[in-house]
Amino acid sequence: MGAAYEAIFIIPYNANKRLTDDGWEFDSLNKLPAEKIDKLITSLELKLIEKYEGVSVYSSNGIKVSIFHDSTGSIEYVFCQVFDLLNNQTISEFCSNDSSLEFFKPA
């Protein structure tokens, strides 16, 4: 069994959210700005650990981040597995400073 973590999503502001049998799905005509996500990667000191079709996975102390891309390479959403509450606060503050991003933490 893996360590406990808090799930956080970064999605386009005001995206439709729905929980399905396969997990959370998000619908939006907007994509996440790549330069903003690059800033998040830098601020959290994330390192690329794996890349496969449509997903780039980064990790650092206390956090694992999966970035999901569409077929054109645009960023649809970001899934964060947060093991350290300080990272939770950093992500929340990062999203609150940008009106194109939404911090979504499922209840």
PDB file of N, CA and C in Angstrom:
ATOM      1  N   MET A   1       0.841  -1.166   0.000  1.00  0.00           N
ATOM      2  CA  MET A   1       0.000   0.000   0.000  1.00  0.00           C
ATOM      3  C   MET A   1       0.896   1.242   0.000  1.00  0.00           C
ATOM      4  N   GLY A   2       0.576   2.241  -0.842  1.00  0.00           N
ATOM      5  CA  GLY A   2       1.363   3.460  -0.941  1.00  0.00           C
ATOM      6  C   GLY A   2       1.042   4.427   0.182  1.00  0.00           C
ATOM      7  N   ALA A   3       1.862   5.464   0.260  1.00  0.00           N
ATOM      8  CA  ALA A   3       1.667   6.504   1.266  1.00  0.00           C
ATOM      9  C   ALA A   3       0.397   7.300   0.967  1.00  0.00           C
ATOM     10  N   ALA A   4      -0.220   7.825   2.003  1.00  0.00           N
ATOM     11  CA  ALA A   4      -1.433   8.628   1.841  1.00  0.00           C
ATOM     12  C   ALA A   4      -1.075   9.976   1.221  1.00  0.00           C
ATOM     13  N   TYR A   5      -1.940  10.452   0.353  1.00  0.00           N
ATOM     14  CA  TYR A   5      -1.726  11.744  -0.280  1.00  0.00           C
ATOM     15  C   TYR A   5      -3.060  12.454  -0.452  1.00  0.00           C
ATOM     16  N   GLU A   6      -2.970  13.748  -0.710  1.00  0.00           N
ATOM     17  CA  GLU A   6      -4.145  14.559  -1.003  1.00  0.00           C
ATOM     18  C   GLU A   6      -4.167  14.799  -2.505  1.00  0.00           C
ATOM     19  N   ALA A   7      -5.313  14.580  -3.126  1.00  0.00           N
ATOM     20  CA  ALA A   7      -5.457  14.783  -4.573  1.00  0.00           C
ATOM     21  C   ALA A   7      -5.890  16.221  -4.843  1.00  0.00           C
ATOM     22  N   ILE A   8      -5.164  16.861  -5.756  1.00  0.00           N
ATOM     23  CA  ILE A   8      -5.488  18.225  -6.167  1.00  0.00           C
ATOM     24  C   ILE A   8      -5.394  18.280  -7.688  1.00  0.00           C
ATOM     25  N   PHE A   9      -6.345  18.960  -8.305  1.00  0.00           N
ATOM     26  CA  PHE A   9      -6.316  19.166  -9.744  1.00  0.00           C
ATOM     27  C   PHE A   9      -6.158  20.649 -10.039  1.00  0.00           C
ATOM     28  N   ILE A  10      -5.408  20.953 -11.063  1.00  0.00           N
ATOM     29  CA  ILE A  10      -5.365  22.296 -11.619  1.00  0.00           C
ATOM     30  C   ILE A  10      -6.049  22.186 -12.974  1.00  0.00           C
ATOM     31  N   ILE A  11      -7.133  22.927 -13.119  1.00  0.00           N
ATOM     32  CA  ILE A  11      -7.954  22.833 -14.324  1.00  0.00           C
ATOM     33  C   ILE A  11      -8.217  24.238 -14.871  1.00  0.00           C
ATOM     34  N   PRO A  12      -8.664  24.336 -16.117  1.00  0.00           N
ATOM     35  CA  PRO A  12      -9.042  25.659 -16.620  1.00  0.00           C
ATOM     36  C   PRO A  12     -10.172  26.229 -15.765  1.00  0.00           C
ATOM     37  N   TYR A  13     -10.117  27.528 -15.501  1.00  0.00           N
ATOM     38  CA  TYR A  13     -11.131  28.177 -14.676  1.00  0.00           C
ATOM     39  C   TYR A  13     -12.532  27.885 -15.212  1.00  0.00           C
ATOM     40  N   ASN A  14     -13.416  27.512 -14.311  1.00  0.00           N
ATOM     41  CA  ASN A  14     -14.825  27.276 -14.609  1.00  0.00           C
ATOM     42  C   ASN A  14     -15.078  26.052 -15.500  1.00  0.00           C
ATOM     43  N   ALA A  15     -14.157  25.117 -15.527  1.00  0.00           N
ATOM     44  CA  ALA A  15     -14.370  23.881 -16.289  1.00  0.00           C
ATOM     45  C   ALA A  15     -15.493  23.069 -15.643  1.00  0.00           C
ATOM     46  N   ASN A  16     -16.227  22.332 -16.445  1.00  0.00           N
ATOM     47  CA  ASN A  16     -17.244  21.420 -15.919  1.00  0.00           C
ATOM     48  C   ASN A  16     -16.539  20.217 -15.301  1.00  0.00           C
ATOM     49  N   LYS A  17     -16.982  19.818 -14.124  1.00  0.00           N
ATOM     50  CA  LYS A  17     -16.377  18.698 -13.408  1.00  0.00           C
ATOM     51  C   LYS A  17     -17.425  17.607 -13.202  1.00  0.00           C
ATOM     52  N   ARG A  18     -17.021  16.369 -13.408  1.00  0.00           N
ATOM     53  CA  ARG A  18     -17.939  15.271 -13.086  1.00  0.00           C
ATOM     54  C   ARG A  18     -17.133  14.040 -12.688  1.00  0.00           C
ATOM     55  N   LEU A  19     -17.656  13.367 -11.682  1.00  0.00           N
ATOM     56  CA  LEU A  19     -17.041  12.141 -11.192  1.00  0.00           C
ATOM     57  C   LEU A  19     -17.696  10.968 -11.908  1.00  0.00           C
ATOM     58  N   THR A  20     -16.883  10.162 -12.575  1.00  0.00           N
ATOM     59  CA  THR A  20     -17.374   8.991 -13.295  1.00  0.00           C
ATOM     60  C   THR A  20     -16.792   7.732 -12.659  1.00  0.00           C
ATOM     61  N   ASP A  21     -17.148   6.589 -13.186  1.00  0.00           N
ATOM     62  CA  ASP A  21     -16.582   5.328 -12.707  1.00  0.00           C
ATOM     63  C   ASP A  21     -15.077   5.272 -12.941  1.00  0.00           C
ATOM     64  N   ASP A  22     -14.584   6.053 -13.920  1.00  0.00           N
ATOM     65  CA  ASP A  22     -13.154   6.075 -14.239  1.00  0.00           C
ATOM     66  C   ASP A  22     -12.393   7.162 -13.498  1.00  0.00           C
ATOM     67  N   GLY A  23     -13.081   7.970 -12.706  1.00  0.00           N
ATOM     68  CA  GLY A  23     -12.437   9.063 -11.976  1.00  0.00           C
ATOM     69  C   GLY A  23     -12.992  10.404 -12.417  1.00  0.00           C
ATOM     70  N   TRP A  24     -12.292  11.468 -12.070  1.00  0.00           N
ATOM     71  CA  TRP A  24     -12.746  12.810 -12.401  1.00  0.00           C
ATOM     72  C   TRP A  24     -12.504  13.116 -13.865  1.00  0.00           C
ATOM     73  N   GLU A  25     -13.486  13.762 -14.480  1.00  0.00           N
ATOM     74  CA  GLU A  25     -13.370  14.227 -15.863  1.00  0.00           C
ATOM     75  C   GLU A  25     -13.702  15.705 -15.887  1.00  0.00           C
ATOM     76  N   PHE A  26     -13.005  16.430 -16.761  1.00  0.00           N
ATOM     77  CA  PHE A  26     -13.178  17.871 -16.861  1.00  0.00           C
ATOM     78  C   PHE A  26     -13.426  18.245 -18.308  1.00  0.00           C
ATOM     79  N   ASP A  27     -14.387  19.142 -18.512  1.00  0.00           N
ATOM     80  CA  ASP A  27     -14.706  19.624 -19.852  1.00  0.00           C
ATOM     81  C   ASP A  27     -14.549  21.135 -19.880  1.00  0.00           C
ATOM     82  N   SER A  28     -13.769  21.595 -20.855  1.00  0.00           N
ATOM     83  CA  SER A  28     -13.591  23.026 -21.033  1.00  0.00           C
ATOM     84  C   SER A  28     -13.083  23.281 -22.439  1.00  0.00           C
ATOM     85  N   LEU A  29     -13.521  24.374 -23.021  1.00  0.00           N
ATOM     86  CA  LEU A  29     -12.979  24.774 -24.320  1.00  0.00           C
ATOM     87  C   LEU A  29     -11.585  25.368 -24.155  1.00  0.00           C
ATOM     88  N   ASN A  30     -11.266  25.803 -22.934  1.00  0.00           N
ATOM     89  CA  ASN A  30      -9.965  26.405 -22.657  1.00  0.00           C
ATOM     90  C   ASN A  30      -8.953  25.347 -22.262  1.00  0.00           C
ATOM     91  N   LYS A  31      -7.698  25.654 -22.495  1.00  0.00           N
ATOM     92  CA  LYS A  31      -6.588  24.802 -22.068  1.00  0.00           C
ATOM     93  C   LYS A  31      -5.784  25.583 -21.044  1.00  0.00           C
ATOM     94  N   LEU A  32      -4.923  24.886 -20.322  1.00  0.00           N
ATOM     95  CA  LEU A  32      -4.069  25.556 -19.353  1.00  0.00           C
ATOM     96  C   LEU A  32      -2.858  26.166 -20.067  1.00  0.00           C
ATOM     97  N   PRO A  33      -2.489  27.389 -19.717  1.00  0.00           N
ATOM     98  CA  PRO A  33      -1.336  28.025 -20.355  1.00  0.00           C
ATOM     99  C   PRO A  33      -0.032  27.301 -19.976  1.00  0.00           C
ATOM    100  N   ALA A  34       0.693  26.823 -20.973  1.00  0.00           N
ATOM    101  CA  ALA A  34       1.924  26.058 -20.739  1.00  0.00           C
ATOM    102  C   ALA A  34       2.936  26.852 -19.928  1.00  0.00           C
ATOM    103  N   GLU A  35       3.047  28.149 -20.204  1.00  0.00           N
ATOM    104  CA  GLU A  35       4.049  28.951 -19.484  1.00  0.00           C
ATOM    105  C   GLU A  35       3.720  29.045 -17.995  1.00  0.00           C
ATOM    106  N   LYS A  36       2.441  29.013 -17.644  1.00  0.00           N
ATOM    107  CA  LYS A  36       2.049  29.052 -16.229  1.00  0.00           C
ATOM    108  C   LYS A  36       2.406  27.732 -15.547  1.00  0.00           C
ATOM    109  N   ILE A  37       2.163  26.632 -16.241  1.00  0.00           N
ATOM    110  CA  ILE A  37       2.480  25.321 -15.665  1.00  0.00           C
ATOM    111  C   ILE A  37       3.991  25.161 -15.557  1.00  0.00           C
ATOM    112  N   ASP A  38       4.736  25.692 -16.512  1.00  0.00           N
ATOM    113  CA  ASP A  38       6.203  25.672 -16.423  1.00  0.00           C
ATOM    114  C   ASP A  38       6.683  26.408 -15.176  1.00  0.00           C
ATOM    115  N   LYS A  39       6.031  27.518 -14.847  1.00  0.00           N
ATOM    116  CA  LYS A  39       6.392  28.270 -13.640  1.00  0.00           C
ATOM    117  C   LYS A  39       6.121  27.443 -12.383  1.00  0.00           C
ATOM    118  N   LEU A  40       5.019  26.704 -12.396  1.00  0.00           N
ATOM    119  CA  LEU A  40       4.704  25.841 -11.255  1.00  0.00           C
ATOM    120  C   LEU A  40       5.768  24.754 -11.102  1.00  0.00           C
ATOM    121  N   ILE A  41       6.158  24.152 -12.210  1.00  0.00           N
ATOM    122  CA  ILE A  41       7.199  23.109 -12.194  1.00  0.00           C
ATOM    123  C   ILE A  41       8.481  23.666 -11.591  1.00  0.00           C
ATOM    124  N   THR A  42       8.836  24.869 -11.999  1.00  0.00           N
ATOM    125  CA  THR A  42      10.051  25.510 -11.483  1.00  0.00           C
ATOM    126  C   THR A  42       9.913  25.844 -10.000  1.00  0.00           C
ATOM    127  N   SER A  43       8.781  26.407  -9.595  1.00  0.00           N
ATOM    128  CA  SER A  43       8.613  26.825  -8.198  1.00  0.00           C
ATOM    129  C   SER A  43       8.591  25.636  -7.233  1.00  0.00           C
ATOM    130  N   LEU A  44       8.100  24.496  -7.699  1.00  0.00           N
ATOM    131  CA  LEU A  44       8.074  23.291  -6.853  1.00  0.00           C
ATOM    132  C   LEU A  44       9.335  22.435  -7.015  1.00  0.00           C
ATOM    133  N   GLU A  45      10.256  22.898  -7.872  1.00  0.00           N
ATOM    134  CA  GLU A  45      11.517  22.182  -8.143  1.00  0.00           C
ATOM    135  C   GLU A  45      11.259  20.742  -8.578  1.00  0.00           C
ATOM    136  N   LEU A  46      10.304  20.592  -9.495  1.00  0.00           N
ATOM    137  CA  LEU A  46       9.938  19.260  -9.985  1.00  0.00           C
ATOM    138  C   LEU A  46      10.909  18.776 -11.045  1.00  0.00           C
ATOM    139  N   LYS A  47      11.132  17.477 -11.054  1.00  0.00           N
ATOM    140  CA  LYS A  47      11.991  16.829 -12.043  1.00  0.00           C
ATOM    141  C   LYS A  47      11.149  15.838 -12.846  1.00  0.00           C
ATOM    142  N   LEU A  48      11.341  15.842 -14.164  1.00  0.00           N
ATOM    143  CA  LEU A  48      10.632  14.891 -15.026  1.00  0.00           C
ATOM    144  C   LEU A  48      11.109  13.480 -14.712  1.00  0.00           C
ATOM    145  N   ILE A  49      10.172  12.582 -14.399  1.00  0.00           N
ATOM    146  CA  ILE A  49      10.559  11.205 -14.084  1.00  0.00           C
ATOM    147  C   ILE A  49      10.056  10.203 -15.118  1.00  0.00           C
ATOM    148  N   GLU A  50       9.016  10.585 -15.869  1.00  0.00           N
ATOM    149  CA  GLU A  50       8.512   9.664 -16.888  1.00  0.00           C
ATOM    150  C   GLU A  50       7.591  10.411 -17.836  1.00  0.00           C
ATOM    151  N   LYS A  51       7.545   9.913 -19.052  1.00  0.00           N
ATOM    152  CA  LYS A  51       6.701  10.524 -20.068  1.00  0.00           C
ATOM    153  C   LYS A  51       6.133   9.401 -20.922  1.00  0.00           C
ATOM    154  N   TYR A  52       4.831   9.416 -21.114  1.00  0.00           N
ATOM    155  CA  TYR A  52       4.192   8.454 -22.002  1.00  0.00           C
ATOM    156  C   TYR A  52       3.087   9.174 -22.736  1.00  0.00           C
ATOM    157  N   GLU A  53       2.422   8.508 -23.636  1.00  0.00           N
ATOM    158  CA  GLU A  53       1.469   9.160 -24.535  1.00  0.00           C
ATOM    159  C   GLU A  53       0.482  10.071 -23.800  1.00  0.00           C
ATOM    160  N   GLY A  54       0.651  11.368 -24.005  1.00  0.00           N
ATOM    161  CA  GLY A  54      -0.270  12.337 -23.456  1.00  0.00           C
ATOM    162  C   GLY A  54      -0.060  12.728 -22.012  1.00  0.00           C
ATOM    163  N   VAL A  55       0.949  12.166 -21.337  1.00  0.00           N
ATOM    164  CA  VAL A  55       1.162  12.464 -19.920  1.00  0.00           C
ATOM    165  C   VAL A  55       2.649  12.662 -19.633  1.00  0.00           C
ATOM    166  N   SER A  56       2.941  13.734 -18.890  1.00  0.00           N
ATOM    167  CA  SER A  56       4.293  13.980 -18.382  1.00  0.00           C
ATOM    168  C   SER A  56       4.207  13.931 -16.863  1.00  0.00           C
ATOM    169  N   VAL A  57       5.069  13.128 -16.234  1.00  0.00           N
ATOM    170  CA  VAL A  57       5.024  12.946 -14.786  1.00  0.00           C
ATOM    171  C   VAL A  57       6.293  13.538 -14.159  1.00  0.00           C
ATOM    172  N   TYR A  58       6.066  14.398 -13.160  1.00  0.00           N
ATOM    173  CA  TYR A  58       7.152  15.063 -12.447  1.00  0.00           C
ATOM    174  C   TYR A  58       7.069  14.696 -10.971  1.00  0.00           C
ATOM    175  N   SER A  59       8.210  14.824 -10.291  1.00  0.00           N
ATOM    176  CA  SER A  59       8.221  14.515  -8.865  1.00  0.00           C
ATOM    177  C   SER A  59       9.256  15.380  -8.149  1.00  0.00           C
ATOM    178  N   SER A  60       9.026  15.558  -6.870  1.00  0.00           N
ATOM    179  CA  SER A  60       9.956  16.239  -5.971  1.00  0.00           C
ATOM    180  C   SER A  60       9.599  15.777  -4.570  1.00  0.00           C
ATOM    181  N   ASN A  61      10.281  16.304  -3.591  1.00  0.00           N
ATOM    182  CA  ASN A  61       9.981  15.909  -2.207  1.00  0.00           C
ATOM    183  C   ASN A  61       8.549  16.271  -1.859  1.00  0.00           C
ATOM    184  N   GLY A  62       7.757  15.278  -1.529  1.00  0.00           N
ATOM    185  CA  GLY A  62       6.409  15.512  -1.049  1.00  0.00           C
ATOM    186  C   GLY A  62       5.354  15.746  -2.100  1.00  0.00           C
ATOM    187  N   ILE A  63       5.685  15.550  -3.392  1.00  0.00           N
ATOM    188  CA  ILE A  63       4.681  15.785  -4.431  1.00  0.00           C
ATOM    189  C   ILE A  63       5.003  15.006  -5.700  1.00  0.00           C
ATOM    190  N   LYS A  64       3.942  14.572  -6.362  1.00  0.00           N
ATOM    191  CA  LYS A  64       4.037  13.949  -7.694  1.00  0.00           C
ATOM    192  C   LYS A  64       2.991  14.640  -8.562  1.00  0.00           C
ATOM    193  N   VAL A  65       3.395  15.098  -9.736  1.00  0.00           N
ATOM    194  CA  VAL A  65       2.525  15.872 -10.610  1.00  0.00           C
ATOM    195  C   VAL A  65       2.441  15.206 -11.974  1.00  0.00           C
ATOM    196  N   SER A  66       1.221  14.955 -12.440  1.00  0.00           N
ATOM    197  CA  SER A  66       0.991  14.401 -13.774  1.00  0.00           C
ATOM    198  C   SER A  66       0.285  15.456 -14.610  1.00  0.00           C
ATOM    199  N   ILE A  67       0.885  15.781 -15.764  1.00  0.00           N
ATOM    200  CA  ILE A  67       0.330  16.791 -16.662  1.00  0.00           C
ATOM    201  C   ILE A  67      -0.267  16.070 -17.859  1.00  0.00           C
ATOM    202  N   PHE A  68      -1.559  16.282 -18.093  1.00  0.00           N
ATOM    203  CA  PHE A  68      -2.279  15.596 -19.160  1.00  0.00           C
ATOM    204  C   PHE A  68      -2.455  16.521 -20.361  1.00  0.00           C
ATOM    205  N   HIS A  69      -2.009  16.030 -21.525  1.00  0.00           N
ATOM    206  CA  HIS A  69      -2.045  16.800 -22.766  1.00  0.00           C
ATOM    207  C   HIS A  69      -3.083  16.220 -23.721  1.00  0.00           C
ATOM    208  N   ASP A  70      -3.651  17.073 -24.566  1.00  0.00           N
ATOM    209  CA  ASP A  70      -4.540  16.575 -25.616  1.00  0.00           C
ATOM    210  C   ASP A  70      -3.691  16.161 -26.821  1.00  0.00           C
ATOM    211  N   SER A  71      -4.335  15.779 -27.911  1.00  0.00           N
ATOM    212  CA  SER A  71      -3.618  15.266 -29.089  1.00  0.00           C
ATOM    213  C   SER A  71      -2.758  16.326 -29.775  1.00  0.00           C
ATOM    214  N   THR A  72      -3.006  17.609 -29.474  1.00  0.00           N
ATOM    215  CA  THR A  72      -2.194  18.678 -30.073  1.00  0.00           C
ATOM    216  C   THR A  72      -1.049  19.103 -29.157  1.00  0.00           C
ATOM    217  N   GLY A  73      -0.995  18.524 -27.960  1.00  0.00           N
ATOM    218  CA  GLY A  73       0.050  18.870 -27.004  1.00  0.00           C
ATOM    219  C   GLY A  73      -0.355  19.939 -26.004  1.00  0.00           C
ATOM    220  N   SER A  74      -1.562  20.498 -26.141  1.00  0.00           N
ATOM    221  CA  SER A  74      -2.040  21.494 -25.186  1.00  0.00           C
ATOM    222  C   SER A  74      -2.359  20.815 -23.848  1.00  0.00           C
ATOM    223  N   ILE A  75      -2.230  21.567 -22.762  1.00  0.00           N
ATOM    224  CA  ILE A  75      -2.441  21.000 -21.427  1.00  0.00           C
ATOM    225  C   ILE A  75      -3.917  21.073 -21.057  1.00  0.00           C
ATOM    226  N   GLU A  76      -4.509  19.898 -20.818  1.00  0.00           N
ATOM    227  CA  GLU A  76      -5.923  19.820 -20.444  1.00  0.00           C
ATOM    228  C   GLU A  76      -6.124  20.021 -18.941  1.00  0.00           C
ATOM    229  N   TYR A  77      -5.312  19.318 -18.138  1.00  0.00           N
ATOM    230  CA  TYR A  77      -5.381  19.473 -16.692  1.00  0.00           C
ATOM    231  C   TYR A  77      -4.126  18.902 -16.054  1.00  0.00           C
ATOM    232  N   VAL A  78      -3.961  19.224 -14.771  1.00  0.00           N
ATOM    233  CA  VAL A  78      -2.809  18.759 -13.997  1.00  0.00           C
ATOM    234  C   VAL A  78      -3.342  18.050 -12.757  1.00  0.00           C
ATOM    235  N   PHE A  79      -2.812  16.864 -12.488  1.00  0.00           N
ATOM    236  CA  PHE A  79      -3.186  16.091 -11.312  1.00  0.00           C
ATOM    237  C   PHE A  79      -1.996  16.064 -10.362  1.00  0.00           C
ATOM    238  N   CYS A  80      -2.224  16.504  -9.126  1.00  0.00           N
ATOM    239  CA  CYS A  80      -1.156  16.549  -8.125  1.00  0.00           C
ATOM    240  C   CYS A  80      -1.465  15.575  -6.995  1.00  0.00           C
ATOM    241  N   GLN A  81      -0.481  14.765  -6.652  1.00  0.00           N
ATOM    242  CA  GLN A  81      -0.562  13.901  -5.485  1.00  0.00           C
ATOM    243  C   GLN A  81       0.335  14.561  -4.439  1.00  0.00           C
ATOM    244  N   VAL A  82      -0.293  15.144  -3.431  1.00  0.00           N
ATOM    245  CA  VAL A  82       0.433  15.956  -2.458  1.00  0.00           C
ATOM    246  C   VAL A  82       0.603  15.176  -1.157  1.00  0.00           C
ATOM    247  N   PHE A  83       1.850  14.944  -0.786  1.00  0.00           N
ATOM    248  CA  PHE A  83       2.178  14.220   0.443  1.00  0.00           C
ATOM    249  C   PHE A  83       2.609  15.179   1.552  1.00  0.00           C
ATOM    250  N   ASP A  84       2.843  16.445   1.200  1.00  0.00           N
ATOM    251  CA  ASP A  84       3.348  17.463   2.126  1.00  0.00           C
ATOM    252  C   ASP A  84       2.435  18.686   2.035  1.00  0.00           C
ATOM    253  N   LEU A  85       1.831  19.092   3.137  1.00  0.00           N
ATOM    254  CA  LEU A  85       0.860  20.184   3.128  1.00  0.00           C
ATOM    255  C   LEU A  85       1.436  21.510   2.635  1.00  0.00           C
ATOM    256  N   LEU A  86       2.731  21.722   2.764  1.00  0.00           N
ATOM    257  CA  LEU A  86       3.345  22.946   2.261  1.00  0.00           C
ATOM    258  C   LEU A  86       3.169  23.048   0.753  1.00  0.00           C
ATOM    259  N   ASN A  87       3.269  21.918   0.049  1.00  0.00           N
ATOM    260  CA  ASN A  87       3.053  21.909  -1.403  1.00  0.00           C
ATOM    261  C   ASN A  87       1.599  22.240  -1.727  1.00  0.00           C
ATOM    262  N   ASN A  88       0.670  21.780  -0.913  1.00  0.00           N
ATOM    263  CA  ASN A  88      -0.750  22.088  -1.085  1.00  0.00           C
ATOM    264  C   ASN A  88      -0.943  23.603  -1.058  1.00  0.00           C
ATOM    265  N   GLN A  89      -0.357  24.260  -0.080  1.00  0.00           N
ATOM    266  CA  GLN A  89      -0.478  25.710   0.060  1.00  0.00           C
ATOM    267  C   GLN A  89       0.160  26.419  -1.137  1.00  0.00           C
ATOM    268  N   THR A  90       1.322  25.948  -1.581  1.00  0.00           N
ATOM    269  CA  THR A  90       2.006  26.558  -2.723  1.00  0.00           C
ATOM    270  C   THR A  90       1.143  26.482  -3.976  1.00  0.00           C
ATOM    271  N   ILE A  91       0.527  25.339  -4.227  1.00  0.00           N
ATOM    272  CA  ILE A  91      -0.321  25.163  -5.408  1.00  0.00           C
ATOM    273  C   ILE A  91      -1.565  26.048  -5.309  1.00  0.00           C
ATOM    274  N   SER A  92      -2.169  26.091  -4.133  1.00  0.00           N
ATOM    275  CA  SER A  92      -3.350  26.927  -3.924  1.00  0.00           C
ATOM    276  C   SER A  92      -3.033  28.394  -4.190  1.00  0.00           C
ATOM    277  N   GLU A  93      -1.930  28.876  -3.642  1.00  0.00           N
ATOM    278  CA  GLU A  93      -1.527  30.276  -3.856  1.00  0.00           C
ATOM    279  C   GLU A  93      -1.214  30.534  -5.324  1.00  0.00           C
ATOM    280  N   PHE A  94      -0.566  29.595  -5.964  1.00  0.00           N
ATOM    281  CA  PHE A  94      -0.223  29.733  -7.379  1.00  0.00           C
ATOM    282  C   PHE A  94      -1.496  29.914  -8.212  1.00  0.00           C
ATOM    283  N   CYS A  95      -2.502  29.102  -7.949  1.00  0.00           N
ATOM    284  CA  CYS A  95      -3.754  29.180  -8.707  1.00  0.00           C
ATOM    285  C   CYS A  95      -4.543  30.445  -8.377  1.00  0.00           C
ATOM    286  N   SER A  96      -4.494  30.874  -7.134  1.00  0.00           N
ATOM    287  CA  SER A  96      -5.271  32.057  -6.741  1.00  0.00           C
ATOM    288  C   SER A  96      -4.722  33.331  -7.383  1.00  0.00           C
ATOM    289  N   ASN A  97      -3.485  33.302  -7.852  1.00  0.00           N
ATOM    290  CA  ASN A  97      -2.871  34.463  -8.494  1.00  0.00           C
ATOM    291  C   ASN A  97      -3.122  34.507  -9.990  1.00  0.00           C
ATOM    292  N   ASP A  98      -3.946  33.608 -10.512  1.00  0.00           N
ATOM    293  CA  ASP A  98      -4.169  33.544 -11.955  1.00  0.00           C
ATOM    294  C   ASP A  98      -5.629  33.215 -12.244  1.00  0.00           C
ATOM    295  N   SER A  99      -6.299  34.107 -12.942  1.00  0.00           N
ATOM    296  CA  SER A  99      -7.732  33.925 -13.205  1.00  0.00           C
ATOM    297  C   SER A  99      -8.028  32.845 -14.242  1.00  0.00           C
ATOM    298  N   SER A 100      -7.005  32.310 -14.939  1.00  0.00           N
ATOM    299  CA  SER A 100      -7.245  31.259 -15.935  1.00  0.00           C
ATOM    300  C   SER A 100      -7.161  29.862 -15.321  1.00  0.00           C
ATOM    301  N   LEU A 101      -6.721  29.773 -14.052  1.00  0.00           N
ATOM    302  CA  LEU A 101      -6.528  28.490 -13.379  1.00  0.00           C
ATOM    303  C   LEU A 101      -7.535  28.302 -12.260  1.00  0.00           C
ATOM    304  N   GLU A 102      -7.906  27.053 -12.037  1.00  0.00           N
ATOM    305  CA  GLU A 102      -8.778  26.727 -10.902  1.00  0.00           C
ATOM    306  C   GLU A 102      -8.135  25.613 -10.090  1.00  0.00           C
ATOM    307  N   PHE A 103      -8.059  25.809  -8.793  1.00  0.00           N
ATOM    308  CA  PHE A 103      -7.572  24.827  -7.818  1.00  0.00           C
ATOM    309  C   PHE A 103      -8.779  23.992  -7.419  1.00  0.00           C
ATOM    310  N   PHE A 104      -8.751  22.694  -7.716  1.00  0.00           N
ATOM    311  CA  PHE A 104      -9.880  21.831  -7.405  1.00  0.00           C
ATOM    312  C   PHE A 104      -9.414  20.678  -6.539  1.00  0.00           C
ATOM    313  N   LYS A 105      -9.947  20.639  -5.316  1.00  0.00           N
ATOM    314  CA  LYS A 105      -9.624  19.560  -4.385  1.00  0.00           C
ATOM    315  C   LYS A 105     -10.919  18.817  -4.092  1.00  0.00           C
ATOM    316  N   PRO A 106     -11.063  17.597  -4.630  1.00  0.00           N
ATOM    317  CA  PRO A 106     -12.305  16.837  -4.389  1.00  0.00           C
ATOM    318  C   PRO A 106     -12.528  16.590  -2.913  1.00  0.00           C
ATOM    319  N   ALA A 107     -13.776  16.643  -2.527  1.00  0.00           N
ATOM    320  CA  ALA A 107     -14.132  16.426  -1.112  1.00  0.00           C
ATOM    321  C   ALA A 107     -14.253  14.953  -0.809  1.00  0.00           C
TER     322      ALA A 107
END
